[in-house]
C-alpha atoms as a PDB file:
ATOM      1  CA  UNK A   1     -70.701  84.339  84.467  1.00  0.00           C
ATOM      2  CA  UNK A   2     -74.336  84.371  85.554  1.00  0.00           C
ATOM      3  CA  UNK A   3     -77.093  86.904  86.051  1.00  0.00           C
ATOM      4  CA  UNK A   4     -78.411  87.224  89.597  1.00  0.00           C
ATOM      5  CA  UNK A   5     -81.686  89.067  90.217  1.00  0.00           C
ATOM      6  CA  UNK A   6     -82.686  90.108  93.734  1.00  0.00           C
ATOM      7  CA  UNK A   7     -85.994  91.646  94.785  1.00  0.00           C
ATOM      8  CA  UNK A   8     -86.908  93.129  98.148  1.00  0.00           C
ATOM      9  CA  UNK A   9     -89.306  95.589  99.711  1.00  0.00           C
ATOM     10  CA  UNK A  10     -87.907  99.106  99.715  1.00  0.00           C
ATOM     11  CA  UNK A  11     -87.224  98.989 103.472  1.00  0.00           C
ATOM     12  CA  UNK A  12     -84.486  96.381 102.848  1.00  0.00           C
ATOM     13  CA  UNK A  13     -82.607  98.376 100.206  1.00  0.00           C
ATOM     14  CA  UNK A  14     -79.665  99.218 102.503  1.00  0.00           C
ATOM     15  CA  UNK A  15     -79.564  95.615 103.735  1.00  0.00           C
ATOM     16  CA  UNK A  16     -79.363  94.265 100.183  1.00  0.00           C
ATOM     17  CA  UNK A  17     -76.558  96.700  99.382  1.00  0.00           C
ATOM     18  CA  UNK A  18     -74.638  95.410 102.425  1.00  0.00           C
ATOM     19  CA  UNK A  19     -75.232  91.807 101.334  1.00  0.00           C
ATOM     20  CA  UNK A  20     -73.927  92.588  97.834  1.00  0.00           C
ATOM     21  CA  UNK A  21     -70.810  94.149  99.335  1.00  0.00           C
ATOM     22  CA  UNK A  22     -70.191  91.138 101.615  1.00  0.00           C
ATOM     23  CA  UNK A  23     -70.622  88.844  98.582  1.00  0.00           C
ATOM     24  CA  UNK A  24     -68.026  90.878  96.639  1.00  0.00           C
ATOM     25  CA  UNK A  25     -70.603  91.980  94.058  1.00  0.00           C
ATOM     26  CA  UNK A  26     -69.425  95.500  93.327  1.00  0.00           C
ATOM     27  CA  UNK A  27     -71.082  96.100  89.938  1.00  0.00           C
ATOM     28  CA  UNK A  28     -74.872  95.972  89.748  1.00  0.00           C
ATOM     29  CA  UNK A  29     -77.944  97.879  88.668  1.00  0.00           C
ATOM     30  CA  UNK A  30     -81.209  98.580  90.425  1.00  0.00           C
ATOM     31  CA  UNK A  31     -84.717  99.656  89.591  1.00  0.00           C
ATOM     32  CA  UNK A  32     -87.722 100.697  91.653  1.00  0.00           C
ATOM     33  CA  UNK A  33     -90.671  98.357  91.164  1.00  0.00           C
ATOM     34  CA  UNK A  34     -94.095  97.710  92.660  1.00  0.00           C
ATOM     35  CA  UNK A  35     -94.501  94.273  94.193  1.00  0.00           C
ATOM     36  CA  UNK A  36     -97.897  92.550  94.273  1.00  0.00           C
ATOM     37  CA  UNK A  37     -99.296  89.472  95.928  1.00  0.00           C
ATOM     38  CA  UNK A  38    -102.135  88.094  93.850  1.00  0.00           C
ATOM     39  CA  UNK A  39    -104.495  87.381  96.732  1.00  0.00           C
ATOM     40  CA  UNK A  40    -108.282  87.545  96.721  1.00  0.00           C
ATOM     41  CA  UNK A  41    -108.307  90.608  98.985  1.00  0.00           C
ATOM     42  CA  UNK A  42    -106.187  92.597  96.528  1.00  0.00           C
ATOM     43  CA  UNK A  43    -108.290  91.546  93.556  1.00  0.00           C
ATOM     44  CA  UNK A  44    -111.481  92.532  95.336  1.00  0.00           C
ATOM     45  CA  UNK A  45    -110.028  95.844  96.548  1.00  0.00           C
ATOM     46  CA  UNK A  46    -108.798  96.992  93.161  1.00  0.00           C
ATOM     47  CA  UNK A  47    -111.349  98.891  91.144  1.00  0.00           C
ATOM     48  CA  UNK A  48    -111.564 101.940  88.900  1.00  0.00           C
ATOM     49  CA  UNK A  49    -112.169 104.273  91.824  1.00  0.00           C
ATOM     50  CA  UNK A  50    -109.640 102.901  94.266  1.00  0.00           C
ATOM     51  CA  UNK A  51    -107.571 105.693  95.778  1.00  0.00           C
ATOM     52  CA  UNK A  52    -105.052 103.331  97.362  1.00  0.00           C
ATOM     53  CA  UNK A  53    -102.075 101.747  95.731  1.00  0.00           C
ATOM     54  CA  UNK A  54    -102.311  97.972  96.139  1.00  0.00           C
ATOM     55  CA  UNK A  55     -98.631  97.235  95.457  1.00  0.00           C
ATOM     56  CA  UNK A  56     -95.679  97.378  97.824  1.00  0.00           C
ATOM     57  CA  UNK A  57     -92.847  99.710  96.968  1.00  0.00           C
ATOM     58  CA  UNK A  58     -90.004  97.362  96.137  1.00  0.00           C
ATOM     59  CA  UNK A  59     -86.614  97.362  94.497  1.00  0.00           C
ATOM     60  CA  UNK A  60     -84.931  94.998  92.062  1.00  0.00           C
ATOM     61  CA  UNK A  61     -81.170  94.563  91.798  1.00  0.00           C
ATOM     62  CA  UNK A  62     -79.364  92.667  89.074  1.00  0.00           C
ATOM     63  CA  UNK A  63     -75.752  91.869  88.374  1.00  0.00           C
ATOM     64  CA  UNK A  64     -73.672  89.856  85.937  1.00  0.00           C
ATOM     65  CA  UNK A  65     -71.188  88.159  88.243  1.00  0.00           C
ATOM     66  CA  UNK A  66     -69.229  85.025  88.982  1.00  0.00           C
ATOM     67  CA  UNK A  67     -70.825  81.912  90.480  1.00  0.00           C
ATOM     68  CA  UNK A  68     -68.768  81.986  93.688  1.00  0.00           C
ATOM     69  CA  UNK A  69     -70.068  85.490  94.470  1.00  0.00           C
ATOM     70  CA  UNK A  70     -73.631  84.303  93.877  1.00  0.00           C
ATOM     71  CA  UNK A  71     -73.180  81.315  96.201  1.00  0.00           C
ATOM     72  CA  UNK A  72     -71.972  83.620  98.951  1.00  0.00           C
ATOM     73  CA  UNK A  73     -74.838  86.042  98.289  1.00  0.00           C
ATOM     74  CA  UNK A  74     -77.430  83.255  98.497  1.00  0.00           C
ATOM     75  CA  UNK A  75     -75.998  82.095 101.837  1.00  0.00           C
ATOM     76  CA  UNK A  76     -76.120  85.654 103.175  1.00  0.00           C
ATOM     77  CA  UNK A  77     -79.709  86.118 101.976  1.00  0.00           C
ATOM     78  CA  UNK A  78     -80.739  82.835 103.647  1.00  0.00           C
ATOM     79  CA  UNK A  79     -79.218  84.018 106.929  1.00  0.00           C
ATOM     80  CA  UNK A  80     -80.956  87.393 106.603  1.00  0.00           C
ATOM     81  CA  UNK A  81     -84.339  85.847 105.814  1.00  0.00           C
ATOM     82  CA  UNK A  82     -84.091  83.405 108.742  1.00  0.00           C
ATOM     83  CA  UNK A  83     -84.223  86.261 111.269  1.00  0.00           C
ATOM     84  CA  UNK A  84     -86.981  88.274 109.570  1.00  0.00           C
ATOM     85  CA  UNK A  85     -90.197  89.022 111.399  1.00  0.00           C
ATOM     86  CA  UNK A  86     -92.064  89.912 108.217  1.00  0.00           C
ATOM     87  CA  UNK A  87     -93.707  88.018 105.379  1.00  0.00           C
ATOM     88  CA  UNK A  88     -91.593  89.867 102.788  1.00  0.00           C
ATOM     89  CA  UNK A  89     -88.282  87.998 102.518  1.00  0.00           C
ATOM     90  CA  UNK A  90     -85.551  88.978 100.104  1.00  0.00           C
ATOM     91  CA  UNK A  91     -85.869  86.822  96.976  1.00  0.00           C
ATOM     92  CA  UNK A  92     -83.177  85.933  94.470  1.00  0.00           C
ATOM     93  CA  UNK A  93     -82.835  83.957  91.264  1.00  0.00           C
ATOM     94  CA  UNK A  94     -79.936  83.027  88.996  1.00  0.00           C
ATOM     95  CA  UNK A  95     -80.074  82.977  85.220  1.00  0.00           C
ATOM     96  CA  UNK A  96     -77.244  81.305  83.266  1.00  0.00           C
ATOM     97  CA  UNK A  97     -75.618  83.347  80.526  1.00  0.00           C
ATOM     98  CA  UNK A  98     -74.905  81.560  77.259  1.00  0.00           C
ATOM     99  CA  UNK A  99     -73.087  84.412  75.512  1.00  0.00           C
ATOM    100  CA  UNK A 100     -71.909  87.873  76.378  1.00  0.00           C
ATOM    101  CA  UNK A 101     -69.763  90.642  74.926  1.00  0.00           C
END
């Protein structure tokens, strides 16, 4: 069993849910997050009086699942990202689990 964590901009939420289903990952959790790119323009734009939010509305999914499901998910994410016309690809990482109850 491993922990897979997937992040994406909010616009891709339905796409990520479809990818999870195709990868046979039925049990997962999600959380709304703000995504940031630490570029010079963002650092210069952020100040005490800034009325604009500098972060992108994003979502994070995570699931404790089997390795074969994760391999399938990663292949599906690669395919999805290859046809994107944006600079905000879906990102995923895997964390091994040493113990669980």
